[in-house]
Protein backbone atom coordinates (compact mmCIF):
# COMPACT_ATOMS: atom_id res chain seq x y z
CA MET A 1 138.54 -7.59 97.83
CA ARG A 2 136.49 -5.00 96.08
CA VAL A 3 137.87 -1.82 94.52
CA VAL A 4 136.51 1.25 92.84
CA ILE A 5 139.14 2.78 90.57
CA GLN A 6 138.79 6.30 89.28
CA ARG A 7 141.09 7.80 86.70
CA VAL A 8 141.86 11.24 88.08
CA LYS A 9 143.45 14.51 87.07
CA LYS A 10 144.19 14.97 90.76
CA ALA A 11 143.06 13.54 94.10
CA SER A 12 143.77 14.07 97.78
CA VAL A 13 142.81 12.72 101.16
CA SER A 14 142.65 14.89 104.27
CA ILE A 15 142.30 14.05 107.95
CA GLU A 16 141.09 16.71 110.38
CA GLY A 17 141.61 19.40 107.74
CA SER A 18 145.21 18.48 106.90
CA ILE A 19 146.15 16.87 103.60
CA LYS A 20 147.62 13.41 104.26
CA SER A 21 148.30 12.50 100.61
CA ALA A 22 147.79 14.03 97.19
CA ILE A 23 148.44 12.94 93.62
CA ASN A 24 148.11 14.44 90.20
CA LYS A 25 147.31 12.32 87.13
CA GLY A 26 146.67 8.70 87.95
CA MET A 27 144.27 6.43 89.84
CA MET A 28 142.38 6.94 93.06
CA ILE A 29 141.47 3.50 94.42
CA LEU A 30 138.93 2.81 97.16
CA VAL A 31 139.42 -0.70 98.58
CA GLY A 32 137.11 -2.84 100.69
CA ILE A 33 138.31 -6.06 102.33
CA GLU A 34 136.30 -9.03 103.56
CA GLU A 35 137.22 -11.89 105.92
CA GLN A 36 137.96 -14.42 103.12
CA ASP A 37 140.40 -12.18 101.24
CA ASN A 38 144.02 -13.31 101.09
CA ASP A 39 147.40 -12.75 99.44
CA GLU A 40 146.21 -14.48 96.25
CA ASP A 41 143.51 -11.80 95.91
CA ILE A 42 146.14 -9.09 96.45
CA GLN A 43 148.43 -10.53 93.75
CA TRP A 44 145.65 -10.93 91.18
CA LEU A 45 144.07 -7.54 91.87
CA SER A 46 147.35 -5.62 91.90
CA LYS A 47 148.40 -7.02 88.52
CA LYS A 48 144.95 -6.30 87.10
CA ILE A 49 145.11 -2.69 88.30
CA ILE A 50 148.65 -2.01 87.06
CA ASN A 51 147.81 -3.44 83.62
CA LEU A 52 144.41 -1.76 83.17
CA ARG A 53 144.52 0.18 79.93
CA ILE A 54 142.49 3.23 80.94
CA PHE A 55 144.88 6.03 79.98
CA PRO A 56 144.85 7.68 76.55
CA ASP A 57 147.47 7.09 73.88
CA GLU A 58 148.54 9.60 71.22
CA ASN A 59 145.21 9.02 69.42
CA ASP A 60 143.20 9.64 72.61
CA VAL A 61 142.24 5.95 72.81
CA MET A 62 142.36 4.22 76.22
CA ASN A 63 145.37 2.05 75.37
CA ARG A 64 147.92 2.79 78.10
CA ASN A 65 148.29 1.44 81.61
CA ILE A 66 149.42 3.37 84.69
CA LEU A 67 153.09 2.51 84.06
CA GLU A 68 152.98 3.76 80.46
CA SER A 69 151.15 6.93 81.49
CA GLY A 70 153.58 7.76 84.30
CA GLY A 71 150.68 8.29 86.70
CA ASP A 72 150.44 7.96 90.46
CA ILE A 73 148.14 5.91 92.69
CA LEU A 74 146.25 6.93 95.83
CA VAL A 75 144.77 4.02 97.83
CA ILE A 76 142.09 4.59 100.46
CA SER A 77 140.54 1.92 102.66
CA GLN A 78 136.75 1.92 102.57
CA PHE A 79 134.87 -0.77 104.49
CA THR A 80 131.54 0.58 103.18
CA LEU A 81 132.32 -1.03 99.80
CA MET A 82 131.42 -4.33 101.47
CA ALA A 83 127.91 -3.09 102.40
CA SER A 84 124.94 -5.36 101.93
CA THR A 85 121.64 -3.63 101.16
CA LYS A 86 119.47 -6.74 100.75
CA LYS A 87 117.39 -6.15 103.89
CA GLY A 88 115.87 -2.87 104.95
CA ASN A 89 117.34 0.55 104.38
CA ARG A 90 120.32 0.49 106.72
CA PRO A 91 123.35 -1.12 105.05
CA SER A 92 124.96 -4.04 106.85
CA TYR A 93 128.74 -4.16 107.03
CA ILE A 94 128.97 -7.71 108.38
CA ARG A 95 131.04 -8.77 105.33
CA ALA A 96 133.76 -6.20 106.03
CA ALA A 97 136.83 -7.78 107.63
CA LYS A 98 137.76 -6.84 111.18
CA PRO A 99 140.85 -4.61 111.55
CA GLU A 100 143.10 -7.48 112.65
CA ILE A 101 142.51 -9.07 109.22
CA SER A 102 141.98 -6.03 107.02
CA ILE A 103 144.89 -3.84 108.16
CA PRO A 104 147.63 -6.34 107.18
CA LEU A 105 145.85 -7.09 103.89
CA TYR A 106 145.49 -3.36 103.15
CA GLU A 107 149.18 -2.79 103.92
CA ASN A 108 150.20 -5.77 101.74
CA PHE A 109 147.99 -4.49 98.92
CA CYS A 110 149.65 -1.06 99.07
CA ALA A 111 153.11 -2.69 99.20
CA GLU A 112 152.36 -4.88 96.17
CA LEU A 113 151.09 -1.89 94.17
CA THR A 114 154.21 0.05 95.18
CA SER A 115 156.40 -2.80 93.96
CA LEU A 116 154.59 -3.14 90.62
CA LEU A 117 154.32 0.63 90.09
CA GLN A 118 158.03 0.98 90.91
CA LYS A 119 157.34 4.01 93.11
CA PRO A 120 155.44 4.56 96.36
CA VAL A 121 151.66 4.69 96.31
CA SER A 122 149.97 7.36 98.40
CA THR A 123 147.50 6.33 101.09
CA GLY A 124 144.96 7.51 103.56
CA VAL A 125 144.98 6.27 107.17
CA PHE A 126 143.19 3.00 107.79
CA GLY A 127 140.08 3.53 109.90
CA ALA A 128 140.39 7.33 110.03
CA ASP A 129 137.57 9.74 109.24
CA MET A 130 138.86 11.04 105.91
CA THR A 131 137.80 13.68 103.42
CA VAL A 132 138.52 12.67 99.82
CA GLU A 133 138.66 15.16 96.97
CA LEU A 134 139.19 14.30 93.33
CA ILE A 135 138.74 15.46 89.80
CA ASN A 136 137.64 12.42 87.82
CA ASP A 137 139.22 12.30 84.37
CA GLY A 138 136.84 11.19 81.64
CA PRO A 139 134.99 10.30 83.80
CA VAL A 140 136.48 6.82 84.03
CA THR A 141 135.35 4.63 86.94
CA ILE A 142 135.99 0.86 87.11
CA CYS A 143 134.75 -1.59 89.76
CA ILE A 144 136.58 -4.88 90.33
CA ASP A 145 135.77 -7.64 92.79
CA THR A 146 138.21 -10.51 93.30
CA LYS A 147 135.23 -12.84 93.84
CA ASN A 148 134.35 -12.30 90.15
CA LYS A 149 137.68 -13.16 88.53
CA GLU A 150 136.19 -15.25 85.75
């Protein structure tokens, strides 16, 4: 699994001009899933995300995690994160998992984050053509790939 996490002041996802989900302060997470991903990746990644200290403390130092900051999470599926650009100029998405694998993993990932966050995470719609809007806070942007745990 590969994620791009952005600390946001606010973020939303719309489908066909209607807002599906919106959050204020928190994290907007784009997630890409490949065929080899599994529940172990979900567990490791979810704990890493919840414990990331990317929110400011009283001294404006990034010392607080999402739980301590009281923020929200918006998770959006994005198969293009699995793009390979090694050959030519057209990205290949061969590494992206097919829907029968990626949809259950995406749903389990969102459920695990909901459990750890102790409140529901907001989502887009898997496979939909979505418009994402956000105001990046900082800016703070973190990339994590479960294939690079060590």
